[in-house]
N, C-alpha and C. Protein backbone atom coordinates (compact mmCIF):
# COMPACT_ATOMS: atom_id res chain seq x y z
N MET A 1 -14.90 37.79 -56.16
CA MET A 1 -16.44 38.95 -55.79
C MET A 1 -16.15 39.72 -54.41
N THR A 2 -16.33 41.09 -54.91
CA THR A 2 -16.31 42.18 -54.01
C THR A 2 -17.60 42.61 -53.69
N THR A 3 -18.31 42.60 -52.20
CA THR A 3 -19.36 43.01 -51.95
C THR A 3 -19.65 44.46 -51.63
N VAL A 4 -20.40 45.21 -52.10
CA VAL A 4 -20.35 46.65 -51.46
C VAL A 4 -21.96 47.06 -51.20
N VAL A 5 -21.91 48.06 -50.46
CA VAL A 5 -23.00 49.04 -49.91
C VAL A 5 -22.61 50.31 -50.29
N LEU A 6 -23.45 51.08 -50.81
CA LEU A 6 -23.21 52.32 -51.69
C LEU A 6 -23.93 53.32 -50.52
N ALA A 7 -23.49 54.18 -50.00
CA ALA A 7 -24.16 55.31 -49.53
C ALA A 7 -23.89 56.80 -49.97
N ASP A 8 -25.03 57.49 -50.67
CA ASP A 8 -24.92 58.69 -50.97
C ASP A 8 -26.14 59.66 -51.11
N ASP A 9 -26.19 60.78 -50.87
CA ASP A 9 -27.18 61.13 -50.97
C ASP A 9 -27.55 61.55 -52.39
N GLU A 10 -26.57 62.03 -52.91
CA GLU A 10 -26.94 62.34 -54.35
C GLU A 10 -27.34 61.16 -55.17
N VAL A 11 -28.60 61.18 -55.72
CA VAL A 11 -29.36 59.95 -56.31
C VAL A 11 -28.80 59.53 -57.70
N LEU A 12 -28.34 60.57 -58.51
CA LEU A 12 -27.64 60.52 -59.73
C LEU A 12 -26.09 59.79 -59.70
N LEU A 13 -25.68 60.37 -58.62
CA LEU A 13 -24.15 59.66 -58.63
C LEU A 13 -24.44 58.41 -57.88
N ARG A 14 -24.92 58.01 -57.05
CA ARG A 14 -25.36 56.85 -56.50
C ARG A 14 -25.74 55.73 -57.30
N SER A 15 -26.87 56.19 -58.28
CA SER A 15 -27.27 55.24 -59.22
C SER A 15 -26.41 55.00 -60.36
N ALA A 16 -25.50 55.99 -60.85
CA ALA A 16 -24.51 55.54 -61.94
C ALA A 16 -23.57 54.40 -61.28
N LEU A 17 -22.83 54.91 -59.90
CA LEU A 17 -22.14 53.90 -59.30
C LEU A 17 -22.86 52.47 -59.36
N ALA A 18 -24.00 52.42 -58.78
CA ALA A 18 -24.43 51.02 -58.51
C ALA A 18 -24.58 50.29 -59.99
N ALA A 19 -24.94 51.37 -61.00
CA ALA A 19 -24.94 50.45 -62.47
C ALA A 19 -23.72 50.48 -62.92
N LEU A 20 -22.51 50.99 -63.01
CA LEU A 20 -21.10 51.17 -63.37
C LEU A 20 -20.34 50.07 -62.57
N LEU A 21 -20.37 50.17 -61.34
CA LEU A 21 -18.96 49.43 -60.66
C LEU A 21 -19.15 47.71 -61.14
N PRO A 22 -20.42 47.15 -61.09
CA PRO A 22 -20.33 46.00 -61.64
C PRO A 22 -19.67 45.65 -63.17
N LEU A 23 -19.96 46.62 -63.83
CA LEU A 23 -19.63 46.88 -65.15
C LEU A 23 -17.86 46.72 -65.37
N GLU A 24 -17.35 47.58 -64.52
CA GLU A 24 -15.78 47.88 -63.88
C GLU A 24 -15.09 46.95 -63.47
N GLY A 25 -15.73 46.09 -62.47
CA GLY A 25 -14.75 45.22 -61.77
C GLY A 25 -15.70 43.70 -61.19
N ASP A 26 -14.99 43.22 -60.61
CA ASP A 26 -16.11 41.80 -60.03
C ASP A 26 -16.85 42.13 -58.57
N ILE A 27 -17.60 43.17 -58.56
CA ILE A 27 -18.43 43.90 -57.72
C ILE A 27 -19.78 43.73 -57.88
N THR A 28 -20.33 43.46 -56.63
CA THR A 28 -21.63 43.33 -56.48
C THR A 28 -22.07 44.25 -55.27
N VAL A 29 -23.26 45.18 -55.88
CA VAL A 29 -23.60 46.35 -54.87
C VAL A 29 -25.08 45.33 -54.12
N LEU A 30 -24.53 45.38 -53.02
CA LEU A 30 -25.77 44.78 -51.96
C LEU A 30 -26.88 45.60 -51.82
N ALA A 31 -26.69 46.92 -51.43
CA ALA A 31 -27.53 47.78 -50.92
C ALA A 31 -27.06 49.17 -51.54
N GLU A 32 -28.35 50.21 -51.32
CA GLU A 32 -27.77 51.63 -51.58
C GLU A 32 -28.63 52.60 -50.19
N ALA A 33 -27.91 53.37 -49.92
CA ALA A 33 -28.58 54.04 -49.16
C ALA A 33 -28.30 55.83 -49.03
N VAL A 34 -29.32 56.37 -48.66
CA VAL A 34 -29.65 57.91 -49.06
C VAL A 34 -28.72 58.78 -47.99
N ASP A 35 -28.60 58.19 -46.90
CA ASP A 35 -28.20 58.71 -45.63
C ASP A 35 -27.38 58.13 -44.85
N GLY A 36 -26.61 58.77 -43.83
CA GLY A 36 -26.04 57.87 -42.78
C GLY A 36 -26.64 56.72 -41.68
N ALA A 37 -27.79 57.47 -41.65
CA ALA A 37 -28.54 56.09 -40.53
C ALA A 37 -28.92 55.20 -41.75
N GLY A 38 -29.23 55.29 -42.86
CA GLY A 38 -29.56 54.10 -43.82
C GLY A 38 -28.29 53.54 -44.02
N ALA A 39 -27.02 54.40 -44.11
CA ALA A 39 -25.77 53.68 -44.16
C ALA A 39 -25.41 52.31 -43.38
N VAL A 40 -25.67 52.96 -42.10
CA VAL A 40 -25.60 52.08 -40.89
C VAL A 40 -26.39 50.81 -41.11
N ARG A 41 -27.60 51.19 -41.21
CA ARG A 41 -28.60 49.87 -41.17
C ARG A 41 -28.02 48.89 -42.19
N ALA A 42 -28.10 49.30 -43.37
CA ALA A 42 -27.58 48.74 -44.67
C ALA A 42 -26.28 47.82 -44.49
N THR A 43 -25.25 48.77 -44.07
CA THR A 43 -23.86 47.96 -43.80
C THR A 43 -23.90 46.62 -42.53
N LEU A 44 -25.12 47.10 -41.34
CA LEU A 44 -24.92 45.99 -40.44
C LEU A 44 -25.78 44.81 -40.94
N ALA A 45 -26.61 45.15 -41.89
CA ALA A 45 -27.83 44.14 -42.36
C ALA A 45 -26.77 43.27 -43.22
N HIS A 46 -26.28 43.50 -44.34
CA HIS A 46 -25.51 42.91 -45.18
C HIS A 46 -24.00 42.95 -44.97
N ARG A 47 -23.47 43.46 -44.15
CA ARG A 47 -21.81 43.05 -44.01
C ARG A 47 -21.37 43.59 -45.09
N PRO A 48 -21.10 44.08 -45.87
CA PRO A 48 -20.25 44.07 -47.18
C PRO A 48 -18.67 43.89 -46.93
N ASP A 49 -18.00 43.31 -48.07
CA ASP A 49 -16.31 43.82 -47.73
C ASP A 49 -15.95 44.99 -47.90
N VAL A 50 -16.68 46.03 -48.40
CA VAL A 50 -16.44 47.57 -48.55
C VAL A 50 -17.58 48.23 -48.36
N LEU A 51 -17.60 49.38 -47.66
CA LEU A 51 -18.62 50.23 -47.44
C LEU A 51 -17.80 51.65 -48.41
N VAL A 52 -18.80 51.67 -49.42
CA VAL A 52 -18.53 52.99 -50.13
C VAL A 52 -19.49 54.10 -49.69
N ILE A 53 -18.97 55.06 -49.04
CA ILE A 53 -19.91 56.14 -48.32
C ILE A 53 -19.47 57.61 -48.40
N ASP A 54 -20.37 58.36 -48.90
CA ASP A 54 -19.96 60.01 -48.93
C ASP A 54 -19.60 60.68 -47.36
N LEU A 55 -18.89 61.64 -47.71
CA LEU A 55 -18.66 62.28 -46.37
C LEU A 55 -19.80 63.29 -45.92
N GLU A 56 -20.16 63.62 -46.85
CA GLU A 56 -21.43 64.64 -46.36
C GLU A 56 -22.46 64.58 -46.79
N MET A 57 -23.34 64.36 -45.82
CA MET A 57 -24.86 63.42 -46.15
C MET A 57 -25.61 64.10 -45.02
N PRO A 58 -27.17 64.29 -45.21
CA PRO A 58 -27.96 64.72 -44.26
C PRO A 58 -28.06 63.82 -43.06
N THR A 59 -28.49 64.41 -42.26
CA THR A 59 -28.88 63.82 -40.75
C THR A 59 -27.69 63.19 -40.15
N MET A 60 -27.05 62.31 -40.61
CA MET A 60 -25.54 61.80 -40.05
C MET A 60 -25.00 61.75 -41.24
N ASP A 61 -23.49 62.61 -40.95
CA ASP A 61 -22.69 62.57 -41.96
C ASP A 61 -21.63 61.20 -42.23
N GLY A 62 -20.96 60.91 -43.31
CA GLY A 62 -20.32 59.72 -43.37
C GLY A 62 -19.41 59.49 -42.46
N LEU A 63 -18.89 60.32 -41.56
CA LEU A 63 -17.99 59.90 -40.42
C LEU A 63 -18.49 59.38 -39.12
N ASP A 64 -19.61 60.14 -38.93
CA ASP A 64 -20.67 59.68 -37.70
C ASP A 64 -21.23 58.42 -38.02
N ALA A 65 -21.55 58.11 -39.36
CA ALA A 65 -22.14 56.59 -39.93
C ALA A 65 -20.87 55.53 -39.67
N VAL A 66 -19.93 55.80 -39.90
CA VAL A 66 -18.73 54.98 -39.64
C VAL A 66 -18.58 54.81 -38.35
N THR A 67 -18.54 55.90 -37.38
CA THR A 67 -18.21 55.41 -36.10
C THR A 67 -19.17 54.50 -35.47
N GLU A 68 -20.58 54.99 -35.71
CA GLU A 68 -21.50 54.07 -35.25
C GLU A 68 -21.36 52.59 -35.92
N ILE A 69 -21.21 52.42 -37.13
CA ILE A 69 -20.97 50.88 -37.74
C ILE A 69 -19.69 50.35 -36.76
N ARG A 70 -18.35 50.98 -36.65
CA ARG A 70 -17.48 50.57 -36.01
C ARG A 70 -17.78 49.86 -34.92
N ARG A 71 -18.49 50.28 -33.97
CA ARG A 71 -18.80 49.62 -32.40
C ARG A 71 -19.50 48.27 -33.16
N GLU A 72 -20.10 47.91 -34.06
CA GLU A 72 -20.44 46.69 -34.12
C GLU A 72 -19.55 45.82 -35.17
N LEU A 73 -18.88 46.44 -35.97
CA LEU A 73 -17.92 45.81 -37.12
C LEU A 73 -16.84 46.86 -37.21
N PRO A 74 -16.13 46.58 -36.27
CA PRO A 74 -14.55 47.08 -35.97
C PRO A 74 -13.72 46.64 -37.20
N GLY A 75 -14.01 45.77 -37.78
CA GLY A 75 -13.19 45.45 -39.00
C GLY A 75 -13.82 45.89 -40.37
N GLN A 76 -14.48 46.36 -40.36
CA GLN A 76 -15.33 46.81 -41.59
C GLN A 76 -14.36 47.73 -42.50
N VAL A 77 -14.25 47.53 -43.81
CA VAL A 77 -13.42 48.02 -44.91
C VAL A 77 -14.56 49.41 -45.12
N VAL A 78 -13.77 50.82 -45.39
CA VAL A 78 -14.33 51.76 -45.72
C VAL A 78 -13.73 52.51 -46.84
N LEU A 79 -14.54 53.04 -47.74
CA LEU A 79 -13.98 54.04 -48.87
C LEU A 79 -14.66 55.12 -48.60
N LEU A 80 -14.28 56.42 -48.21
CA LEU A 80 -14.88 57.46 -48.46
C LEU A 80 -14.56 58.55 -49.42
N LEU A 81 -16.05 58.73 -50.01
CA LEU A 81 -15.89 59.67 -51.33
C LEU A 81 -15.85 60.81 -50.61
N THR A 82 -15.23 61.92 -51.19
CA THR A 82 -15.49 63.15 -50.76
C THR A 82 -15.06 64.11 -51.71
N ARG A 83 -15.81 65.40 -51.57
CA ARG A 83 -15.31 66.79 -52.58
C ARG A 83 -14.34 67.70 -51.99
N HIS A 84 -14.46 67.65 -50.63
CA HIS A 84 -13.47 68.78 -49.96
C HIS A 84 -12.79 67.71 -48.84
N ALA A 85 -11.54 67.66 -49.11
CA ALA A 85 -10.30 67.04 -48.00
C ALA A 85 -10.10 67.80 -47.10
N ARG A 86 -10.77 68.37 -45.95
CA ARG A 86 -9.96 69.18 -45.01
C ARG A 86 -9.07 68.67 -44.26
N PRO A 87 -8.16 69.17 -43.81
CA PRO A 87 -7.23 68.18 -42.84
C PRO A 87 -7.61 67.76 -41.77
N GLY A 88 -8.66 68.51 -41.07
CA GLY A 88 -9.04 68.00 -39.73
C GLY A 88 -9.77 66.74 -40.08
N ILE A 89 -10.78 66.62 -41.27
CA ILE A 89 -11.73 65.60 -41.71
C ILE A 89 -10.73 64.35 -41.89
N LEU A 90 -9.82 64.66 -42.67
CA LEU A 90 -8.79 63.61 -42.84
C LEU A 90 -8.24 62.92 -41.53
N ARG A 91 -7.59 63.87 -40.58
CA ARG A 91 -6.85 63.33 -39.42
C ARG A 91 -8.16 62.32 -38.78
N LYS A 92 -9.37 62.97 -38.47
CA LYS A 92 -10.55 62.16 -37.92
C LYS A 92 -10.77 60.96 -38.77
N ALA A 93 -10.81 60.83 -39.87
CA ALA A 93 -11.13 59.71 -40.65
C ALA A 93 -10.04 58.64 -40.41
N LEU A 94 -8.93 59.12 -40.37
CA LEU A 94 -7.75 58.24 -40.36
C LEU A 94 -7.88 57.52 -38.55
N LYS A 95 -8.06 58.29 -37.92
CA LYS A 95 -8.14 57.66 -36.44
C LYS A 95 -9.40 56.54 -36.48
N LEU A 96 -10.33 56.82 -37.25
CA LEU A 96 -11.60 56.10 -37.15
C LEU A 96 -10.98 54.68 -37.96
N GLY A 97 -10.13 54.85 -38.63
CA GLY A 97 -9.54 53.64 -39.41
C GLY A 97 -9.91 53.40 -40.59
N VAL A 98 -10.38 54.50 -41.26
CA VAL A 98 -10.83 54.41 -42.64
C VAL A 98 -10.00 54.31 -43.73
N GLN A 99 -9.88 53.24 -44.46
CA GLN A 99 -8.72 52.62 -45.16
C GLN A 99 -8.69 53.42 -46.58
N GLY A 100 -9.97 54.22 -47.15
CA GLY A 100 -9.71 54.76 -48.54
C GLY A 100 -10.32 55.86 -48.60
N PHE A 101 -9.76 56.72 -49.48
CA PHE A 101 -10.13 58.13 -49.37
C PHE A 101 -10.32 58.44 -51.29
N ALA A 102 -11.41 58.73 -51.86
CA ALA A 102 -11.67 58.88 -53.15
C ALA A 102 -12.36 60.05 -53.28
N SER A 103 -11.70 61.13 -54.64
CA SER A 103 -12.32 62.04 -55.22
C SER A 103 -13.78 61.85 -55.54
N LYS A 104 -15.00 62.20 -55.42
CA LYS A 104 -16.09 62.18 -55.89
C LYS A 104 -16.48 62.39 -57.38
N SER A 105 -15.35 62.89 -57.90
CA SER A 105 -15.12 63.18 -59.27
C SER A 105 -14.67 62.14 -59.80
N ALA A 106 -14.07 61.23 -59.28
CA ALA A 106 -13.27 60.08 -60.17
C ALA A 106 -13.94 59.36 -60.76
N GLU A 107 -13.54 58.42 -62.03
CA GLU A 107 -14.50 57.58 -62.95
C GLU A 107 -14.69 56.41 -62.12
N PRO A 108 -15.76 55.66 -62.64
CA PRO A 108 -16.29 54.60 -61.65
C PRO A 108 -14.98 53.75 -61.94
N ALA A 109 -14.33 53.51 -62.99
CA ALA A 109 -13.38 52.63 -63.05
C ALA A 109 -12.20 52.74 -61.94
N HIS A 110 -11.84 54.16 -61.85
CA HIS A 110 -11.08 54.21 -60.62
C HIS A 110 -11.35 53.89 -59.44
N ILE A 111 -12.80 54.24 -59.00
CA ILE A 111 -13.44 53.77 -57.67
C ILE A 111 -13.36 52.26 -58.07
N ALA A 112 -13.69 51.54 -58.96
CA ALA A 112 -13.52 50.01 -58.95
C ALA A 112 -12.21 49.66 -58.47
N THR A 113 -11.50 50.29 -59.00
CA THR A 113 -9.89 50.02 -58.90
C THR A 113 -9.40 50.05 -57.28
N VAL A 114 -9.79 51.32 -56.91
CA VAL A 114 -9.71 51.68 -55.45
C VAL A 114 -10.48 50.62 -54.37
N ILE A 115 -11.53 50.29 -54.69
CA ILE A 115 -12.39 49.00 -53.96
C ILE A 115 -11.85 47.66 -53.99
N ALA A 116 -11.05 47.45 -55.09
CA ALA A 116 -10.25 46.04 -54.90
C ALA A 116 -9.01 46.19 -54.19
N THR A 117 -8.55 47.56 -54.27
CA THR A 117 -7.21 47.52 -53.59
C THR A 117 -7.51 47.49 -52.03
N LEU A 118 -8.62 48.19 -51.51
CA LEU A 118 -9.22 48.06 -50.25
C LEU A 118 -9.33 46.63 -49.77
N HIS A 119 -10.17 45.91 -50.73
CA HIS A 119 -10.57 44.51 -50.29
C HIS A 119 -9.30 43.54 -50.26
N ALA A 120 -8.51 43.82 -50.81
CA ALA A 120 -7.07 43.12 -50.68
C ALA A 120 -5.99 43.53 -49.72
N GLY A 121 -6.80 44.32 -48.62
CA GLY A 121 -6.03 44.72 -47.50
C GLY A 121 -5.30 46.01 -47.32
N ARG A 122 -5.03 46.63 -48.67
CA ARG A 122 -4.29 47.87 -48.69
C ARG A 122 -5.19 48.86 -48.54
N ARG A 123 -4.40 50.23 -48.44
CA ARG A 123 -5.00 51.63 -48.19
C ARG A 123 -4.87 52.00 -49.45
N TRP A 124 -5.60 53.30 -49.54
CA TRP A 124 -5.38 54.16 -50.65
C TRP A 124 -5.95 55.77 -50.08
N ILE A 125 -5.20 56.58 -50.88
CA ILE A 125 -5.63 58.16 -50.83
C ILE A 125 -5.45 58.61 -51.96
N ASP A 126 -6.65 59.08 -52.98
CA ASP A 126 -6.57 59.66 -53.85
C ASP A 126 -5.35 60.96 -53.57
N GLN A 127 -4.48 61.20 -54.95
CA GLN A 127 -3.63 62.21 -54.85
C GLN A 127 -4.21 63.84 -54.29
N ASP A 128 -5.22 64.03 -55.23
CA ASP A 128 -6.02 65.17 -54.85
C ASP A 128 -6.44 65.62 -53.73
N VAL A 129 -6.75 64.63 -53.01
CA VAL A 129 -7.38 64.39 -51.42
C VAL A 129 -6.31 64.74 -50.73
N SER A 130 -5.28 63.82 -51.01
CA SER A 130 -3.91 63.99 -50.04
C SER A 130 -3.49 65.38 -50.08
N ALA A 131 -3.53 66.01 -51.20
CA ALA A 131 -2.91 67.31 -51.64
C ALA A 131 -3.81 68.71 -51.03
N ALA A 132 -4.96 68.30 -50.84
CA ALA A 132 -5.77 69.41 -50.16
C ALA A 132 -5.79 69.21 -48.81
N ALA A 133 -5.59 67.99 -48.70
CA ALA A 133 -5.38 67.43 -46.87
C ALA A 133 -4.19 68.32 -45.96
N ILE A 134 -3.19 68.37 -46.85
CA ILE A 134 -1.96 68.59 -46.31
C ILE A 134 -1.92 69.89 -45.66
N VAL A 135 -2.79 70.97 -46.44
CA VAL A 135 -2.76 72.08 -46.04
C VAL A 135 -3.78 72.44 -44.80
N ASP A 136 -2.79 72.92 -44.20
CA ASP A 136 -3.61 73.07 -42.80
C ASP A 136 -4.38 74.39 -42.81
N ASP A 137 -5.82 74.18 -42.70
CA ASP A 137 -7.00 75.52 -42.71
C ASP A 137 -7.36 75.81 -41.53
N ASN A 138 -6.64 75.40 -40.18
CA ASN A 138 -7.38 75.71 -39.15
C ASN A 138 -6.99 77.22 -38.43
N PRO A 139 -7.62 78.18 -38.87
CA PRO A 139 -7.39 79.59 -38.55
C PRO A 139 -7.39 79.77 -36.56
N LEU A 140 -7.59 78.81 -36.31
CA LEU A 140 -7.71 79.10 -34.88
C LEU A 140 -6.33 78.88 -33.97
N THR A 141 -6.00 79.48 -33.01
CA THR A 141 -5.15 79.56 -32.17
C THR A 141 -5.38 78.24 -31.04
N GLU A 142 -4.58 77.68 -30.42
CA GLU A 142 -4.33 76.59 -29.18
C GLU A 142 -5.41 76.90 -28.52
N ARG A 143 -5.25 78.36 -27.87
CA ARG A 143 -6.10 78.64 -26.67
C ARG A 143 -7.58 78.97 -27.33
N GLU A 144 -7.77 79.78 -28.25
CA GLU A 144 -9.14 79.62 -29.03
C GLU A 144 -9.78 78.14 -29.30
N ALA A 145 -9.08 77.13 -29.58
CA ALA A 145 -9.58 75.96 -29.65
C ALA A 145 -10.14 75.69 -28.32
N ASP A 146 -9.09 75.70 -27.43
CA ASP A 146 -9.34 75.03 -26.06
C ASP A 146 -10.63 75.81 -25.48
N VAL A 147 -11.08 77.00 -26.02
CA VAL A 147 -12.16 77.66 -25.24
C VAL A 147 -13.29 77.15 -25.93
N LEU A 148 -13.25 76.89 -27.39
CA LEU A 148 -14.49 76.39 -27.99
C LEU A 148 -14.51 75.09 -27.74
N ARG A 149 -13.65 74.20 -27.14
CA ARG A 149 -13.93 72.83 -26.82
C ARG A 149 -14.87 72.67 -25.58
N VAL A 150 -14.55 73.96 -24.53
CA VAL A 150 -15.18 73.75 -23.38
C VAL A 150 -16.48 74.31 -23.69
N THR A 151 -16.64 75.32 -24.70
CA THR A 151 -18.10 76.04 -24.68
C THR A 151 -19.10 74.85 -25.37
N GLY A 152 -18.52 74.04 -25.99
CA GLY A 152 -19.21 73.02 -26.59
C GLY A 152 -19.78 72.24 -25.69
N ASP A 153 -19.34 72.02 -24.16
CA ASP A 153 -20.00 71.32 -23.47
C ASP A 153 -20.75 72.02 -22.55
N GLY A 154 -21.33 73.36 -22.84
CA GLY A 154 -22.40 73.92 -22.29
C GLY A 154 -22.05 74.58 -21.20
N TYR A 155 -20.48 75.39 -20.74
CA TYR A 155 -20.49 76.00 -19.58
C TYR A 155 -20.61 77.26 -20.18
N SER A 156 -20.54 78.24 -18.73
CA SER A 156 -20.86 79.83 -19.49
C SER A 156 -19.27 80.27 -19.13
N VAL A 157 -19.22 81.57 -19.40
CA VAL A 157 -18.13 82.18 -19.64
C VAL A 157 -17.09 82.03 -18.38
N ALA A 158 -17.75 82.20 -17.28
CA ALA A 158 -17.28 82.02 -15.97
C ALA A 158 -16.88 81.00 -15.50
N GLU A 159 -17.61 79.78 -15.85
CA GLU A 159 -17.14 78.41 -15.86
C GLU A 159 -15.98 77.96 -16.80
N ILE A 160 -15.86 78.57 -17.97
CA ILE A 160 -14.64 78.14 -18.41
C ILE A 160 -13.55 78.95 -18.34
N ALA A 161 -13.73 80.18 -17.88
CA ALA A 161 -12.69 80.71 -17.41
C ALA A 161 -11.90 80.22 -16.12
N ALA A 162 -12.81 79.35 -15.12
CA ALA A 162 -12.24 78.78 -14.01
C ALA A 162 -11.65 77.65 -14.59
N ARG A 163 -12.60 76.70 -15.37
CA ARG A 163 -11.84 75.42 -15.84
C ARG A 163 -10.36 75.53 -16.64
N LEU A 164 -10.17 76.67 -17.38
CA LEU A 164 -8.98 76.64 -18.13
C LEU A 164 -7.81 77.70 -17.34
N HIS A 165 -8.35 78.29 -16.18
CA HIS A 165 -7.49 79.03 -15.28
C HIS A 165 -7.35 80.40 -15.84
N LEU A 166 -8.44 81.01 -16.57
CA LEU A 166 -8.07 82.35 -17.36
C LEU A 166 -9.01 83.36 -16.79
N ALA A 167 -8.81 84.35 -16.99
CA ALA A 167 -9.87 85.66 -16.96
C ALA A 167 -11.09 85.85 -17.90
N PRO A 168 -12.49 85.82 -17.25
CA PRO A 168 -13.35 86.06 -17.83
C PRO A 168 -13.25 86.96 -18.94
N GLY A 169 -12.59 87.89 -18.93
CA GLY A 169 -12.25 88.96 -20.09
C GLY A 169 -11.58 88.34 -21.13
N THR A 170 -10.61 87.49 -20.96
CA THR A 170 -9.70 86.83 -21.59
C THR A 170 -10.26 85.35 -22.64
N VAL A 171 -11.47 84.98 -21.70
CA VAL A 171 -12.46 83.81 -22.56
C VAL A 171 -13.24 84.99 -23.49
N ARG A 172 -13.49 86.16 -23.03
CA ARG A 172 -14.38 86.54 -23.93
C ARG A 172 -13.37 86.88 -25.24
N ASN A 173 -12.55 87.55 -25.22
CA ASN A 173 -11.72 87.64 -26.04
C ASN A 173 -11.60 86.62 -27.24
N TYR A 174 -10.85 85.65 -26.54
CA TYR A 174 -10.61 84.40 -27.47
C TYR A 174 -12.40 83.77 -28.19
N LEU A 175 -13.38 84.06 -27.40
CA LEU A 175 -14.55 83.30 -27.91
C LEU A 175 -15.14 84.52 -29.16
N SER A 176 -14.54 85.97 -28.81
CA SER A 176 -15.04 86.79 -30.01
C SER A 176 -14.09 86.82 -31.03
N ASN A 177 -12.81 86.33 -31.10
CA ASN A 177 -11.81 85.87 -32.04
C ASN A 177 -12.27 84.99 -33.07
N ALA A 178 -12.61 83.88 -32.25
CA ALA A 178 -13.19 82.16 -32.49
C ALA A 178 -14.46 82.35 -33.45
N MET A 179 -15.29 83.45 -32.84
CA MET A 179 -16.33 83.94 -33.89
C MET A 179 -16.20 84.34 -35.23
N ARG A 180 -15.30 85.49 -34.95
CA ARG A 180 -14.97 86.24 -36.27
C ARG A 180 -14.38 85.49 -37.25
N LYS A 181 -13.26 84.60 -36.84
CA LYS A 181 -12.57 83.64 -37.72
C LYS A 181 -13.66 82.75 -38.52
N THR A 182 -14.46 82.43 -37.68
CA THR A 182 -15.35 81.37 -38.14
C THR A 182 -16.90 81.52 -38.73
N GLN A 183 -16.93 83.22 -38.69
CA GLN A 183 -17.94 83.80 -38.90
C GLN A 183 -19.33 83.26 -38.67
N THR A 184 -19.42 83.29 -37.25
CA THR A 184 -20.69 82.87 -36.87
C THR A 184 -20.85 83.97 -35.78
N ARG A 185 -22.47 83.81 -35.33
CA ARG A 185 -22.92 84.73 -34.49
C ARG A 185 -22.73 84.51 -32.92
N THR A 186 -22.70 83.20 -32.49
CA THR A 186 -22.76 82.99 -31.10
C THR A 186 -21.53 81.70 -31.07
N ARG A 187 -21.31 81.91 -29.73
CA ARG A 187 -20.15 81.01 -29.16
C ARG A 187 -20.08 79.47 -29.70
N HIS A 188 -21.71 79.37 -29.36
CA HIS A 188 -22.03 77.72 -29.75
C HIS A 188 -21.76 77.45 -31.01
N GLU A 189 -22.51 78.44 -32.10
CA GLU A 189 -22.41 77.98 -33.57
C GLU A 189 -20.84 78.06 -33.67
N ALA A 190 -20.05 78.75 -33.49
CA ALA A 190 -18.50 78.79 -33.56
C ALA A 190 -17.82 77.51 -33.15
N ALA A 191 -18.27 76.94 -32.14
CA ALA A 191 -17.94 75.35 -31.66
C ALA A 191 -18.32 74.43 -32.48
N ARG A 192 -19.64 74.53 -32.94
CA ARG A 192 -20.19 73.37 -34.02
C ARG A 192 -19.16 73.60 -35.45
N TYR A 193 -19.24 74.89 -35.45
CA TYR A 193 -18.40 75.00 -36.93
C TYR A 193 -17.10 74.25 -36.79
N ALA A 194 -16.55 74.83 -35.81
CA ALA A 194 -14.94 74.21 -35.56
C ALA A 194 -14.75 73.03 -35.47
N ARG A 195 -15.80 72.17 -34.94
CA ARG A 195 -16.11 70.55 -34.77
C ARG A 195 -16.45 70.30 -35.88
N GLU A 196 -17.19 70.48 -36.65
CA GLU A 196 -17.52 70.37 -38.23
C GLU A 196 -16.33 69.98 -39.30
N HIS A 197 -15.45 71.28 -38.77
CA HIS A 197 -14.41 71.38 -39.63
C HIS A 197 -13.06 70.47 -39.26
N GLY A 198 -13.16 69.97 -38.19
CA GLY A 198 -12.10 69.06 -37.58
C GLY A 198 -10.98 69.70 -37.07
N TRP A 199 -11.46 70.97 -36.45
CA TRP A 199 -10.61 71.93 -36.00
C TRP A 199 -10.15 71.73 -34.28
N LEU A 200 -11.24 71.20 -33.90
CA LEU A 200 -11.33 70.66 -32.20
C LEU A 200 -10.84 69.31 -31.84
């Protein structure tokens, strides 16, 4: 018997999985969560064999929830469900030790198989997820990423220039390019956008 906590803000999908997974495999759904914070609470309370969690959720996304959970349960097995397998996100998830990735459009029978595979101590990455993640979607140059990283820490242009040993005008150019590439209006929005896409 494999125990599972399900976390997804899409009610229909979550309810369907909760109903169908026990029919597809030897699976018991211990709890359901509608967001990342709920996933953290449910996982810490129930300690399932496998946490099945959506990547994109309100208030706290799947990766933030996993980061939080791993502080208390470093060995928690995680299956991340995703529609958008961006390379930066996949790299970040692998660094966090996420063992499985499946597409949200997969059949419940397939997800049940992946859960069994993870519970047996193996890894799983769906083919369409890995194919999408191989494509490097990061449009930022290394220097633009450096400048955005420091911007995210709240420094002014002059402070960024001093920290990175660049001229203030050069920093402004990098920021301007980064804002254009991320289609954002401020450098702070650009930094947030780049971080959310796993580019920093």
